Amino acid sequence: MKLWKTILTAAGLVVATGTSAFAVRTDLVIGITLEPPHLDPTAGAAAAIDEVLYANVFEGLTRIGPNGEVLPDLAESWTVSDDGKVYTFKLHTGVKFHDGTDFNADDVKFSLDRARADNSVNAQKGLFAAIDTVEVADPGTVKITLKNPQSSFLYNMGWGDAVIVAPETADTNKEKPVGTGPFRFQSWAKGSSITLIKSDTYWGAPVSLDKAEFRIVPDAAAAIPALLSGDVQAFPFFPDPDSVAQVKDDPRFKVVIGATEGETILSINNKKPPFDRLQVRQAISFALDRKAIIDGASAGLGVPIGSHMSPANKAYVDLTGLYPHNVERARELLKEAGLENGFKATLKLPPPPYARLGGEIIASQLRDVGIDLQIVPVEWAQWLDQVFTKKDYDLTIVSHTEPNDIDIYSRKDYYFNYDNPTFDKIIADLNLTSDEAKRMTLLGEAQKILADDAVVGFLYELPKAGVWDAKLEGFWENAPIQANDLTKVKWTE
């Protein structure tokens, strides 16, 4: 957007040549590292989809706030039956999708039935597993009956995978997303940027920005130059923690270090020999030096973890002491597994710096115990296809940024290829109870089983390093979910 310019004339008059010198900017360029594979949050696992669209273009019955709290969204209120199984949602009225069609209870029923259907491609079908029926009481009221009480149901409805879509546009959302949010989709220059513009028909509080461009900056080394040149004004998820030091004392920028829900792990294909042997997986865990990995891959900002739970979660159990860095113990376990001469394997690394940098360090650490890794860099789309979908891998590094997702280890077709009936029973019990004390006990037991089984190499909780222009406010400090929520973002001058 053109800034206003002024010329001081000889007569002392100020003549405007553009717009007022005091006009506040309403455009913004946000840097993102990964390009989404498509733009439908209900049909893909890539975090990059929600980082562009969550709360901006698409909305759900509920939404997750900046501190992980559940807030009303398209549902203005709700009631819950005494037995905890029936949720009645009162919907906002006068809401329209960006194509001009009306939003009502039929769209909620369509979206939830679609997400839980047998042929659903939703990456988080488990969120909807407890739903028995979805009924339209009237255009402004939806009644959802659960098979059993589920304490996390309102939270689940706030995920990006649970946003409400219209039947008229659901099949084309991957290329042209149509939601009910404060921004509407304008364009996608593939490989370059995705642009959103303010929706003039938004039902809720208007946003301050007129235009938001998500600029794709895959090279982490280019982030600082992009900020310094002004081409990009914000990196809410700064891709290169080591470079933060270059701007942390620069008054032109704000540097904010927060927490995420991103369990960063060395994923292991549990059914592929020799990783199907517990001693091999435990050997890998003993071979890992978390401190060196954290220092090298996250500039020392990550918090070590020993199982699949954020240290910020009240259910967290510190299991980092179960596998202290111990090269000799790792070699002993490999010998017990009949692999005293070591073995070769592949390590597929997606683009994020935490994976590429961490992969080099981990390959060196495993080499010290006799595991020779061939590093295979892959693009994000390749990772989703080869690793996540086809399970064609030995080892990989990824950060699981979904909140409260320890249940992924109970999914039968999940890419870990892990199967433990005892763990599955704990997750099933967890889904059935709303008693807080019992839930804490079950979550602790679940964490302990995953650590004992060395299902993956638990590394650290991904930090959120945000860097943006000092004149901007409204970005989230922490990342309880994978999102760049722009609803409160604005220029202050």
Protein backbone atom coordinates (compact mmCIF):
# COMPACT_ATOMS: atom_id res chain seq x y z
CA MET A 1 0.00 0.00 0.00
CA LYS A 2 1.29 3.49 -0.85
CA LEU A 3 2.21 5.54 2.16
CA TRP A 4 1.01 9.12 2.21
CA LYS A 5 3.63 11.65 1.18
CA THR A 6 3.60 15.35 1.92
CA ILE A 7 5.33 18.37 0.41
CA LEU A 8 5.97 21.49 2.42
CA THR A 9 5.37 24.43 0.08
CA ALA A 10 7.01 27.83 0.30
CA ALA A 11 3.79 29.19 1.74
CA GLY A 12 4.04 26.73 4.56
CA LEU A 13 1.13 24.64 3.34
CA VAL A 14 1.16 20.87 3.46
CA VAL A 15 -0.03 19.38 0.19
CA ALA A 16 -1.04 15.72 0.16
CA THR A 17 0.37 13.76 -2.74
CA GLY A 18 -1.04 10.41 -1.70
CA THR A 19 -2.98 9.78 1.47
CA SER A 20 -2.74 11.29 4.93
CA ALA A 21 0.68 11.09 6.57
CA PHE A 22 -1.06 9.75 9.64
CA ALA A 23 -2.95 6.89 7.97
CA VAL A 24 -2.29 3.59 9.71
CA ARG A 25 -1.19 0.73 7.46
CA THR A 26 -3.72 -1.98 6.76
CA ASP A 27 -1.61 -4.36 4.66
CA LEU A 28 0.76 -7.04 5.94
CA VAL A 29 3.18 -9.58 4.52
CA ILE A 30 3.73 -12.63 6.76
CA GLY A 31 6.58 -15.02 6.11
CA ILE A 32 5.91 -18.77 6.22
CA THR A 33 8.43 -21.55 5.63
CA LEU A 34 6.24 -24.26 4.13
CA GLU A 35 3.76 -23.95 1.31
CA PRO A 36 0.51 -25.79 2.05
CA PRO A 37 -0.12 -28.79 -0.22
CA HIS A 38 -3.68 -27.43 -0.62
CA LEU A 39 -6.04 -25.08 1.23
CA ASP A 40 -8.65 -27.38 2.82
CA PRO A 41 -8.11 -27.84 6.58
CA THR A 42 -10.60 -30.72 6.61
CA ALA A 43 -8.62 -32.80 4.13
CA GLY A 44 -4.96 -32.70 5.09
CA ALA A 45 -2.49 -33.18 7.94
CA ALA A 46 -0.03 -30.42 6.98
CA ALA A 47 0.27 -27.73 9.65
CA ALA A 48 0.90 -25.17 6.91
CA ILE A 49 -2.79 -25.32 5.93
CA ASP A 50 -4.01 -24.11 9.32
CA GLU A 51 -1.18 -21.60 9.58
CA VAL A 52 -2.79 -19.69 6.74
CA LEU A 53 -6.51 -20.42 7.07
CA TYR A 54 -7.45 -21.17 10.71
CA ALA A 55 -9.62 -18.38 12.22
CA ASN A 56 -8.85 -16.24 9.18
CA VAL A 57 -10.89 -17.91 6.42
CA PHE A 58 -12.50 -20.88 8.18
CA GLU A 59 -14.33 -21.09 11.49
CA GLY A 60 -15.77 -23.90 13.63
CA LEU A 61 -18.46 -24.23 16.24
CA THR A 62 -15.78 -23.37 18.78
CA ARG A 63 -12.27 -22.04 18.44
CA ILE A 64 -9.05 -22.29 20.42
CA GLY A 65 -7.78 -19.05 21.91
CA PRO A 66 -4.20 -17.80 22.34
CA ASN A 67 -3.84 -19.53 25.71
CA GLY A 68 -5.40 -22.81 24.63
CA GLU A 69 -8.85 -21.94 25.96
CA VAL A 70 -12.09 -22.98 24.24
CA LEU A 71 -14.06 -19.98 22.93
CA PRO A 72 -17.41 -19.67 21.14
CA ASP A 73 -17.17 -19.20 17.38
CA LEU A 74 -20.01 -19.99 14.96
CA ALA A 75 -21.85 -21.32 18.01
CA GLU A 76 -22.73 -18.38 20.22
CA SER A 77 -23.65 -20.68 23.12
CA TRP A 78 -24.37 -24.29 24.04
CA THR A 79 -25.90 -26.48 26.70
CA VAL A 80 -24.90 -29.99 27.79
CA SER A 81 -27.28 -32.66 29.07
CA ASP A 82 -26.90 -34.04 32.58
CA ASP A 83 -25.44 -37.29 31.27
CA GLY A 84 -22.81 -35.37 29.26
CA LYS A 85 -23.86 -36.91 25.96
CA VAL A 86 -26.07 -34.30 24.28
CA TYR A 87 -24.69 -30.92 23.19
CA THR A 88 -27.16 -28.35 21.89
CA PHE A 89 -25.49 -25.50 20.02
CA LYS A 90 -27.18 -22.16 19.39
CA LEU A 91 -25.68 -20.70 16.21
CA HIS A 92 -25.02 -17.10 15.26
CA THR A 93 -27.57 -15.76 12.79
CA GLY A 94 -26.92 -13.64 9.73
CA VAL A 95 -23.69 -15.47 8.92
CA LYS A 96 -22.73 -15.91 5.27
CA PHE A 97 -20.06 -17.86 3.46
CA HIS A 98 -17.72 -15.85 1.27
CA ASP A 99 -19.61 -16.93 -1.85
CA GLY A 100 -22.75 -15.26 -0.51
CA THR A 101 -24.61 -18.39 0.59
CA ASP A 102 -26.17 -18.49 4.05
CA PHE A 103 -24.65 -20.42 6.94
CA ASN A 104 -27.06 -22.43 9.07
CA ALA A 105 -27.46 -25.69 10.97
CA ASP A 106 -27.56 -27.72 7.75
CA ASP A 107 -23.94 -26.73 7.07
CA VAL A 108 -22.89 -27.94 10.52
CA LYS A 109 -24.58 -31.29 9.97
CA PHE A 110 -23.04 -31.60 6.51
CA SER A 111 -19.54 -30.78 7.78
CA LEU A 112 -19.56 -33.14 10.76
CA ASP A 113 -21.21 -36.01 8.88
CA ARG A 114 -18.68 -35.55 6.07
CA ALA A 115 -15.73 -35.53 8.49
CA ARG A 116 -16.78 -38.78 10.17
CA ALA A 117 -17.97 -40.65 7.08
CA ASP A 118 -16.34 -43.94 6.09
CA ASN A 119 -14.87 -42.30 2.99
CA SER A 120 -13.71 -39.20 4.84
CA VAL A 121 -10.24 -37.90 4.03
CA ASN A 122 -10.09 -35.87 7.24
CA ALA A 123 -6.65 -36.29 8.81
CA GLN A 124 -8.13 -36.27 12.32
CA LYS A 125 -11.17 -38.54 12.04
CA GLY A 126 -10.64 -39.51 15.67
CA LEU A 127 -11.96 -36.08 16.70
CA PHE A 128 -15.40 -37.13 15.52
CA ALA A 129 -15.40 -40.77 16.63
CA ALA A 130 -17.55 -40.11 19.70
CA ILE A 131 -20.37 -38.53 17.67
CA ASP A 132 -23.47 -40.71 17.34
CA THR A 133 -25.88 -38.35 15.60
CA VAL A 134 -26.04 -34.75 14.36
CA GLU A 135 -29.55 -33.33 14.18
CA VAL A 136 -30.87 -30.01 12.85
CA ALA A 137 -33.41 -28.76 15.38
CA ASP A 138 -34.00 -25.55 13.40
CA PRO A 139 -31.82 -23.35 11.13
CA GLY A 140 -30.12 -21.83 14.18
CA THR A 141 -29.84 -24.90 16.42
CA VAL A 142 -27.84 -28.13 16.17
CA LYS A 143 -28.09 -31.08 18.54
CA ILE A 144 -25.12 -33.44 18.67
CA THR A 145 -25.49 -36.69 20.57
CA LEU A 146 -22.36 -38.56 21.61
CA LYS A 147 -21.97 -42.31 22.01
CA ASN A 148 -20.44 -41.64 25.41
CA PRO A 149 -19.41 -38.58 27.44
CA GLN A 150 -16.23 -36.98 26.14
CA SER A 151 -14.60 -34.23 28.17
CA SER A 152 -12.57 -33.00 25.20
CA PHE A 153 -15.50 -32.63 22.80
CA LEU A 154 -15.76 -28.83 22.81
CA TYR A 155 -11.99 -28.60 22.43
CA ASN A 156 -12.08 -31.08 19.55
CA MET A 157 -14.66 -28.95 17.74
CA GLY A 158 -12.16 -26.07 17.83
CA TRP A 159 -9.51 -27.85 15.75
CA GLY A 160 -8.86 -26.75 12.20
CA ASP A 161 -9.96 -30.19 11.04
CA ALA A 162 -13.44 -29.44 12.46
CA VAL A 163 -14.16 -26.14 10.68
CA ILE A 164 -17.52 -25.74 9.00
CA VAL A 165 -17.68 -25.85 5.21
CA ALA A 166 -20.56 -25.47 2.76
CA PRO A 167 -21.79 -28.35 0.58
CA GLU A 168 -21.74 -26.02 -2.44
CA THR A 169 -17.98 -25.42 -2.17
CA ALA A 170 -16.55 -28.29 -0.09
CA ASP A 171 -15.15 -30.10 -3.12
CA THR A 172 -13.25 -27.05 -4.38
CA ASN A 173 -11.82 -25.76 -1.09
CA LYS A 174 -8.41 -27.24 -1.83
CA GLU A 175 -7.81 -24.62 -4.53
CA LYS A 176 -10.36 -21.93 -3.69
CA PRO A 177 -11.28 -22.01 0.00
CA VAL A 178 -14.68 -20.59 0.96
CA GLY A 179 -15.37 -20.09 4.65
CA THR A 180 -17.20 -17.74 7.02
CA GLY A 181 -14.17 -16.00 8.55
CA PRO A 182 -13.11 -12.34 8.66
CA PHE A 183 -10.82 -12.80 5.64
CA ARG A 184 -11.66 -14.29 2.29
CA PHE A 185 -9.32 -15.97 -0.14
CA GLN A 186 -8.07 -13.79 -3.01
CA SER A 187 -5.26 -15.66 -4.78
CA TRP A 188 -2.59 -18.34 -4.58
CA ALA A 189 0.57 -17.83 -6.63
CA LYS A 190 1.96 -21.31 -6.15
CA GLY A 191 5.52 -21.33 -4.95
CA SER A 192 5.29 -17.66 -4.02
CA SER A 193 2.38 -16.46 -1.87
CA ILE A 194 -1.21 -16.80 -0.70
CA THR A 195 -3.25 -13.61 -0.35
CA LEU A 196 -6.30 -13.00 1.84
CA ILE A 197 -8.41 -9.86 1.89
CA LYS A 198 -10.87 -8.51 4.43
CA SER A 199 -14.41 -9.83 4.10
CA ASP A 200 -16.90 -6.96 3.93
CA THR A 201 -19.75 -9.30 4.90
CA TYR A 202 -18.18 -10.76 8.03
CA TRP A 203 -20.69 -11.43 10.80
CA GLY A 204 -18.37 -10.74 13.74
CA ALA A 205 -16.01 -8.02 14.91
CA PRO A 206 -14.23 -6.53 11.87
CA VAL A 207 -10.49 -7.06 11.52
CA SER A 208 -8.02 -4.20 11.21
CA LEU A 209 -6.12 -5.53 8.20
CA ASP A 210 -7.48 -5.09 4.68
CA LYS A 211 -4.98 -7.45 3.10
CA ALA A 212 -2.67 -10.19 4.34
CA GLU A 213 -0.16 -11.90 2.09
CA PHE A 214 1.47 -15.12 3.29
CA ARG A 215 4.85 -15.06 1.55
CA ILE A 216 6.50 -18.46 1.16
CA VAL A 217 10.15 -18.26 2.27
CA PRO A 218 11.49 -21.83 2.22
CA ASP A 219 15.11 -20.81 2.80
CA ALA A 220 15.54 -20.08 6.50
CA ALA A 221 18.63 -18.00 5.76
CA ALA A 222 16.47 -15.60 3.76
CA ALA A 223 14.22 -14.71 6.72
CA ILE A 224 16.43 -12.03 8.26
CA PRO A 225 17.18 -10.28 4.94
CA ALA A 226 13.44 -10.31 4.15
CA LEU A 227 12.70 -8.59 7.47
CA LEU A 228 15.53 -6.07 7.19
CA SER A 229 14.50 -5.07 3.67
CA GLY A 230 10.86 -4.67 4.71
CA ASP A 231 9.66 -7.18 2.11
CA VAL A 232 8.23 -9.26 4.96
CA GLN A 233 7.00 -7.61 8.15
CA ALA A 234 6.40 -10.66 10.34
CA PHE A 235 7.54 -14.23 10.87
CA PRO A 236 5.22 -15.48 13.66
CA PHE A 237 7.02 -18.85 13.41
CA PHE A 238 10.60 -17.75 12.78
CA PRO A 239 12.35 -20.54 10.87
CA ASP A 240 15.92 -20.08 12.07
CA PRO A 241 16.30 -19.66 15.86
CA ASP A 242 20.06 -19.16 15.50
CA SER A 243 19.44 -15.95 13.56
CA VAL A 244 17.18 -14.39 16.20
CA ALA A 245 20.24 -12.90 17.87
CA GLN A 246 20.75 -10.67 14.83
CA VAL A 247 17.55 -8.73 15.51
CA LYS A 248 16.73 -9.24 19.19
CA ASP A 249 18.30 -5.89 20.13
CA ASP A 250 17.07 -4.03 17.06
CA PRO A 251 14.34 -1.57 18.13
CA ARG A 252 12.64 -1.96 14.74
CA PHE A 253 11.55 -5.48 15.67
CA LYS A 254 9.84 -7.43 18.43
CA VAL A 255 11.29 -10.83 19.27
CA VAL A 256 8.92 -13.02 21.27
CA ILE A 257 9.85 -16.51 22.50
CA GLY A 258 6.88 -18.67 23.41
CA ALA A 259 5.80 -22.29 23.67
CA THR A 260 4.11 -24.63 21.22
CA GLU A 261 2.34 -27.98 21.34
CA GLY A 262 5.01 -29.35 19.01
CA GLU A 263 6.51 -32.59 20.23
CA THR A 264 9.63 -32.88 18.07
CA ILE A 265 10.48 -36.54 17.64
CA LEU A 266 12.68 -38.99 15.78
CA SER A 267 9.86 -41.10 14.34
CA ILE A 268 10.55 -44.81 13.97
CA ASN A 269 8.80 -47.32 11.71
CA ASN A 270 7.98 -49.85 14.44
CA LYS A 271 7.11 -52.74 12.12
CA LYS A 272 10.13 -52.49 9.86
CA PRO A 273 13.11 -54.67 10.86
CA PRO A 274 15.27 -54.12 12.81
CA PHE A 275 13.15 -51.37 14.39
CA ASP A 276 10.51 -53.93 15.35
CA ARG A 277 12.88 -54.99 18.15
CA LEU A 278 12.58 -53.12 21.44
CA GLN A 279 16.34 -53.27 22.09
CA VAL A 280 17.05 -51.43 18.83
CA ARG A 281 14.59 -48.64 19.60
CA GLN A 282 15.93 -48.35 23.14
CA ALA A 283 19.48 -48.23 21.79
CA ILE A 284 18.50 -45.30 19.62
CA SER A 285 17.02 -43.50 22.63
CA PHE A 286 20.23 -44.00 24.63
CA ALA A 287 22.31 -42.80 21.67
CA LEU A 288 20.48 -39.48 21.47
CA ASP A 289 22.06 -36.50 23.20
CA ARG A 290 19.06 -34.19 23.57
CA LYS A 291 21.08 -31.21 24.76
CA ALA A 292 23.32 -31.27 21.69
CA ILE A 293 20.27 -31.64 19.44
CA ILE A 294 18.45 -28.77 21.13
CA ASP A 295 21.52 -26.53 20.99
CA GLY A 296 22.14 -27.29 17.33
CA ALA A 297 18.60 -27.43 15.97
CA SER A 298 16.72 -24.88 18.08
CA ALA A 299 19.44 -22.49 19.32
CA GLY A 300 19.07 -23.98 22.79
CA LEU A 301 15.43 -22.85 23.05
CA GLY A 302 13.70 -26.25 23.00
CA VAL A 303 12.62 -28.00 26.21
CA PRO A 304 13.61 -31.71 26.40
CA ILE A 305 10.80 -34.28 26.54
CA GLY A 306 10.77 -37.97 27.41
CA SER A 307 7.34 -38.84 26.04
CA HIS A 308 4.56 -37.35 23.92
CA MET A 309 3.36 -34.47 26.09
CA SER A 310 4.14 -30.78 26.30
CA PRO A 311 5.96 -29.75 29.49
CA ALA A 312 3.41 -26.92 29.71
CA ASN A 313 0.57 -29.44 30.05
CA LYS A 314 -0.59 -30.11 33.61
CA ALA A 315 -0.61 -33.85 32.82
CA TYR A 316 3.08 -33.84 31.84
CA VAL A 317 5.33 -36.45 33.45
CA ASP A 318 9.07 -35.87 33.20
CA LEU A 319 10.52 -39.06 31.71
CA THR A 320 13.66 -37.56 30.24
CA GLY A 321 15.77 -39.50 32.76
CA LEU A 322 14.65 -42.87 31.42
CA TYR A 323 17.15 -42.77 28.56
CA PRO A 324 20.12 -40.60 29.51
CA HIS A 325 22.75 -40.20 26.80
CA ASN A 326 24.76 -43.41 27.13
CA VAL A 327 26.74 -44.66 24.13
CA GLU A 328 27.94 -47.83 25.85
CA ARG A 329 24.44 -48.85 26.89
CA ALA A 330 23.23 -48.24 23.33
CA ARG A 331 25.95 -50.55 21.98
CA GLU A 332 25.08 -53.22 24.55
CA LEU A 333 21.43 -53.18 23.49
CA LEU A 334 22.37 -53.51 19.82
CA LYS A 335 24.56 -56.50 20.74
CA GLU A 336 21.61 -58.05 22.61
CA ALA A 337 19.57 -57.61 19.43
CA GLY A 338 22.25 -59.45 17.43
CA LEU A 339 23.48 -56.27 15.76
CA GLU A 340 26.89 -55.84 17.37
CA ASN A 341 28.25 -54.87 13.95
CA GLY A 342 25.60 -52.19 13.55
CA PHE A 343 23.34 -51.69 10.55
CA LYS A 344 22.38 -49.19 7.87
CA ALA A 345 19.12 -47.25 7.57
CA THR A 346 17.65 -44.14 5.97
CA LEU A 347 16.62 -40.89 7.64
CA LYS A 348 14.07 -38.92 5.61
CA LEU A 349 14.09 -35.22 6.48
CA PRO A 350 11.32 -32.74 5.59
CA PRO A 351 12.27 -29.08 4.93
CA PRO A 352 11.96 -27.37 8.37
CA PRO A 353 15.33 -26.40 9.86
CA TYR A 354 14.61 -28.36 13.05
CA ALA A 355 14.52 -31.51 10.87
CA ARG A 356 17.41 -30.74 8.54
CA LEU A 357 19.73 -29.43 11.27
CA GLY A 358 18.61 -31.99 13.83
CA GLY A 359 19.01 -34.77 11.29
CA GLU A 360 22.69 -34.06 10.76
CA ILE A 361 23.31 -34.12 14.52
CA ILE A 362 21.30 -37.29 15.08
CA ALA A 363 23.00 -39.08 12.19
CA SER A 364 26.35 -38.32 13.82
CA GLN A 365 25.16 -39.53 17.23
CA LEU A 366 23.77 -42.80 15.86
CA ARG A 367 26.92 -43.37 13.85
CA ASP A 368 28.81 -43.39 17.16
CA VAL A 369 26.88 -46.52 18.21
CA GLY A 370 27.11 -48.31 14.86
CA ILE A 371 23.95 -47.13 13.07
CA ASP A 372 24.91 -45.71 9.69
CA LEU A 373 22.17 -43.41 8.39
CA GLN A 374 21.73 -42.26 4.83
CA ILE A 375 20.13 -38.80 4.96
CA VAL A 376 17.37 -38.34 2.38
CA PRO A 377 16.05 -34.76 2.14
CA VAL A 378 12.42 -34.66 0.95
CA GLU A 379 9.99 -31.86 0.19
CA TRP A 380 6.90 -31.55 2.35
CA ALA A 381 4.56 -33.10 -0.24
CA GLN A 382 6.96 -36.04 -0.61
CA TRP A 383 7.07 -36.50 3.16
CA LEU A 384 3.29 -36.55 3.41
CA ASP A 385 3.07 -39.09 0.58
CA GLN A 386 6.02 -41.38 1.35
CA VAL A 387 6.25 -41.22 5.14
CA PHE A 388 2.89 -40.17 6.55
CA THR A 389 0.64 -41.94 4.04
CA LYS A 390 2.58 -44.89 2.61
CA LYS A 391 4.79 -45.49 5.67
CA ASP A 392 7.77 -45.92 3.36
CA TYR A 393 10.57 -44.95 5.73
CA ASP A 394 12.95 -46.11 8.45
CA LEU A 395 13.44 -42.94 10.50
CA THR A 396 12.25 -39.36 10.11
CA ILE A 397 12.13 -36.16 12.16
CA VAL A 398 8.96 -34.14 12.54
CA SER A 399 7.26 -31.91 15.08
CA HIS A 400 3.71 -32.98 15.92
CA THR A 401 2.07 -29.61 16.55
CA GLU A 402 -1.48 -30.80 17.16
CA PRO A 403 -2.60 -30.21 20.78
CA ASN A 404 -3.36 -33.07 23.17
CA ASP A 405 -2.60 -35.67 20.51
CA ILE A 406 -1.10 -38.54 22.51
CA ASP A 407 -3.91 -40.69 21.10
CA ILE A 408 -2.19 -40.81 17.68
CA TYR A 409 -0.18 -43.79 18.96
CA SER A 410 -3.41 -45.79 19.26
CA ARG A 411 -4.41 -45.29 15.62
CA LYS A 412 -4.07 -48.54 13.73
CA ASP A 413 -3.05 -47.08 10.39
CA TYR A 414 -0.80 -44.34 11.72
CA TYR A 415 2.67 -43.99 10.29
CA PHE A 416 4.49 -45.13 13.46
CA ASN A 417 3.14 -48.68 12.89
CA TYR A 418 2.88 -49.05 16.67
CA ASP A 419 0.53 -51.56 18.25
CA ASN A 420 0.07 -51.98 21.99
CA PRO A 421 -3.35 -53.15 23.28
CA THR A 422 -2.60 -51.92 26.80
CA PHE A 423 -1.93 -48.41 25.50
CA ASP A 424 -5.05 -48.57 23.32
CA LYS A 425 -7.16 -49.48 26.35
CA ILE A 426 -5.83 -46.49 28.28
CA ILE A 427 -6.73 -44.14 25.43
CA ALA A 428 -10.20 -45.71 25.18
CA ASP A 429 -10.72 -45.21 28.92
CA LEU A 430 -9.44 -41.65 28.64
CA ASN A 431 -12.03 -40.86 25.99
CA LEU A 432 -14.81 -42.15 28.23
CA THR A 433 -14.03 -40.26 31.43
CA SER A 434 -14.47 -36.63 32.36
CA ASP A 435 -13.14 -37.11 35.91
CA GLU A 436 -10.09 -34.84 36.02
CA ALA A 437 -8.08 -36.87 38.55
CA LYS A 438 -8.66 -40.08 36.62
CA ARG A 439 -7.70 -38.39 33.36
CA MET A 440 -4.40 -37.21 34.87
CA THR A 441 -3.63 -40.76 36.02
CA LEU A 442 -4.44 -42.25 32.62
CA LEU A 443 -2.37 -39.65 30.77
CA GLY A 444 0.57 -40.39 33.05
CA GLU A 445 0.27 -44.12 32.37
CA ALA A 446 0.06 -43.49 28.63
CA GLN A 447 3.23 -41.39 28.66
CA LYS A 448 5.10 -44.06 30.62
CA ILE A 449 4.15 -46.85 28.17
CA LEU A 450 5.33 -44.83 25.17
CA ALA A 451 8.64 -44.11 26.89
CA ASP A 452 9.14 -47.73 28.00
CA ASP A 453 8.44 -48.96 24.47
CA ALA A 454 10.75 -46.33 22.97
CA VAL A 455 8.15 -45.97 20.22
CA VAL A 456 10.03 -42.97 18.86
CA GLY A 457 13.02 -40.95 19.94
CA PHE A 458 11.50 -38.17 22.05
CA LEU A 459 13.58 -35.04 21.53
CA TYR A 460 12.14 -31.69 22.63
CA GLU A 461 9.16 -29.37 22.62
CA LEU A 462 9.41 -27.04 19.65
CA PRO A 463 9.81 -23.43 20.76
CA LYS A 464 7.88 -20.63 19.08
CA ALA A 465 10.19 -17.81 18.11
CA GLY A 466 8.25 -14.91 16.63
CA VAL A 467 9.84 -11.87 15.00
CA TRP A 468 7.79 -8.97 13.64
CA ASP A 469 7.82 -5.23 13.07
CA ALA A 470 7.72 -3.35 16.37
CA LYS A 471 4.72 -1.35 15.16
CA LEU A 472 2.60 -4.53 14.94
CA GLU A 473 0.52 -5.97 17.75
CA GLY A 474 -1.96 -8.81 18.17
CA PHE A 475 0.14 -11.85 17.23
CA TRP A 476 0.02 -14.85 19.55
CA GLU A 477 2.99 -15.31 21.89
CA ASN A 478 2.42 -19.05 22.23
CA ALA A 479 1.07 -21.62 19.79
CA PRO A 480 -1.50 -23.83 21.54
CA ILE A 481 -2.55 -24.84 18.01
CA GLN A 482 -0.95 -24.49 14.59
CA ALA A 483 -2.27 -21.10 13.51
CA ASN A 484 -1.44 -17.54 12.52
CA ASP A 485 -4.63 -15.95 13.83
CA LEU A 486 -4.79 -12.44 12.34
CA THR A 487 -8.10 -11.40 13.89
CA LYS A 488 -6.44 -9.06 16.42
CA VAL A 489 -3.34 -8.10 14.42
CA LYS A 490 -2.95 -4.44 13.57
CA TRP A 491 -0.45 -1.68 12.94
CA THR A 492 -0.20 0.79 15.82
CA GLU A 493 1.18 3.65 13.72
